[in-house]
Amino acid sequence: MTNKTTKRIIRRAFTGTVVSDRMDKTIVVRVDSPKMHPKYKKRYTTSKKYKVHDEENQASIGDTVSFVECRPLSKDKRWRVVRSAESTTVTE
């Protein structure tokens, strides 16, 4: 009896705000996550920055983007853009 196992690739996905787009084909995205202090039960926000591959250089500062895990593209880049949402900056 043969046992066929299929490898299921589980990719982590995040949504965040673009904070830098100065590099070529790379954006820096900040992801904010709410946490709760274990003892005092106060909510606070932590943030982490990710370098994300943006092939067409479409995202700009202030945009909200979704990105997923991928193979290593450089020393720091292990993420790629899935879709870019509308700009969240307000122009008057």
Protein backbone atom coordinates (compact mmCIF):
# COMPACT_ATOMS: atom_id res chain seq x y z
CA MET A 1 0.00 0.00 0.00
CA THR A 2 1.50 3.30 -1.06
CA ASN A 3 1.00 6.39 0.97
CA LYS A 4 0.80 9.53 -1.15
CA THR A 5 1.51 12.60 0.85
CA THR A 6 1.01 15.99 -0.63
CA LYS A 7 3.07 18.81 0.74
CA ARG A 8 0.85 21.63 1.76
CA ILE A 9 2.60 24.97 1.73
CA ILE A 10 1.34 27.20 4.47
CA ARG A 11 2.20 30.79 3.73
CA ARG A 12 1.89 33.48 6.33
CA ALA A 13 0.06 36.58 5.13
CA PHE A 14 -0.04 40.10 6.59
CA THR A 15 -1.57 43.47 5.80
CA GLY A 16 0.25 46.68 6.59
CA THR A 17 1.05 50.26 5.66
CA VAL A 18 3.90 51.26 3.35
CA VAL A 19 6.39 53.48 5.18
CA SER A 20 9.17 53.61 2.56
CA ASP A 21 9.37 53.12 -1.21
CA ARG A 22 12.83 54.55 -1.94
CA MET A 23 14.43 51.24 -2.94
CA ASP A 24 14.02 49.73 -6.40
CA LYS A 25 11.43 46.89 -6.40
CA THR A 26 11.35 46.92 -2.59
CA ILE A 27 9.00 48.56 -0.11
CA VAL A 28 9.11 48.67 3.67
CA VAL A 29 5.77 47.78 5.26
CA ARG A 30 4.84 48.37 8.91
CA VAL A 31 2.44 45.86 10.46
CA ASP A 32 0.73 46.92 13.70
CA SER A 33 -0.58 44.22 16.01
CA PRO A 34 -2.60 44.82 19.18
CA LYS A 35 -1.46 42.98 22.28
CA MET A 36 -2.66 42.74 25.85
CA HIS A 37 -0.43 42.87 28.91
CA PRO A 38 -0.70 39.53 30.73
CA LYS A 39 -0.89 41.00 34.24
CA TYR A 40 -2.42 44.45 33.88
CA LYS A 41 -4.75 43.63 30.95
CA LYS A 42 -3.95 46.92 29.22
CA ARG A 43 -4.01 46.92 25.44
CA TYR A 44 -1.00 48.26 23.56
CA THR A 45 0.20 48.20 19.96
CA THR A 46 3.44 46.71 18.71
CA SER A 47 4.74 47.21 15.21
CA LYS A 48 7.21 45.39 13.03
CA LYS A 49 8.71 46.35 9.67
CA TYR A 50 9.08 43.96 6.74
CA LYS A 51 10.95 44.43 3.46
CA VAL A 52 8.57 43.35 0.71
CA HIS A 53 9.24 42.69 -2.98
CA ASP A 54 7.20 44.97 -5.27
CA GLU A 55 8.03 43.95 -8.85
CA GLU A 56 6.23 46.84 -10.65
CA ASN A 57 7.01 49.56 -8.07
CA GLN A 58 3.28 50.24 -7.75
CA ALA A 59 2.98 50.89 -4.01
CA SER A 60 3.71 54.30 -2.56
CA ILE A 61 3.99 55.68 0.96
CA GLY A 62 0.70 55.46 2.86
CA ASP A 63 -0.79 52.63 0.80
CA THR A 64 -2.21 49.56 2.49
CA VAL A 65 -0.81 46.35 1.01
CA SER A 66 -1.26 42.63 1.57
CA PHE A 67 1.80 40.42 1.33
CA VAL A 68 2.71 36.75 1.73
CA GLU A 69 5.75 34.70 2.56
CA CYS A 70 7.94 33.46 -0.30
CA ARG A 71 11.41 32.09 -0.98
CA PRO A 72 14.37 34.29 0.03
CA LEU A 73 14.85 37.00 -2.61
CA SER A 74 17.76 38.76 -0.89
CA LYS A 75 19.38 39.01 2.52
CA ASP A 76 16.33 40.66 4.07
CA LYS A 77 13.45 40.07 1.63
CA ARG A 78 11.28 37.01 2.22
CA TRP A 79 7.92 38.55 1.33
CA ARG A 80 6.11 39.57 -1.87
CA VAL A 81 3.13 41.84 -2.51
CA VAL A 82 -0.16 40.11 -3.26
CA ARG A 83 -2.34 43.16 -3.77
CA SER A 84 -2.17 46.85 -3.15
CA ALA A 85 -5.20 48.69 -1.80
CA GLU A 86 -6.15 52.31 -2.32
CA SER A 87 -3.99 55.04 -0.89
CA THR A 88 -4.95 56.00 2.65
CA THR A 89 -3.39 59.46 2.57
CA VAL A 90 -5.82 62.37 2.67
CA THR A 91 -5.29 65.20 0.20
CA GLU A 92 -7.01 68.51 0.73
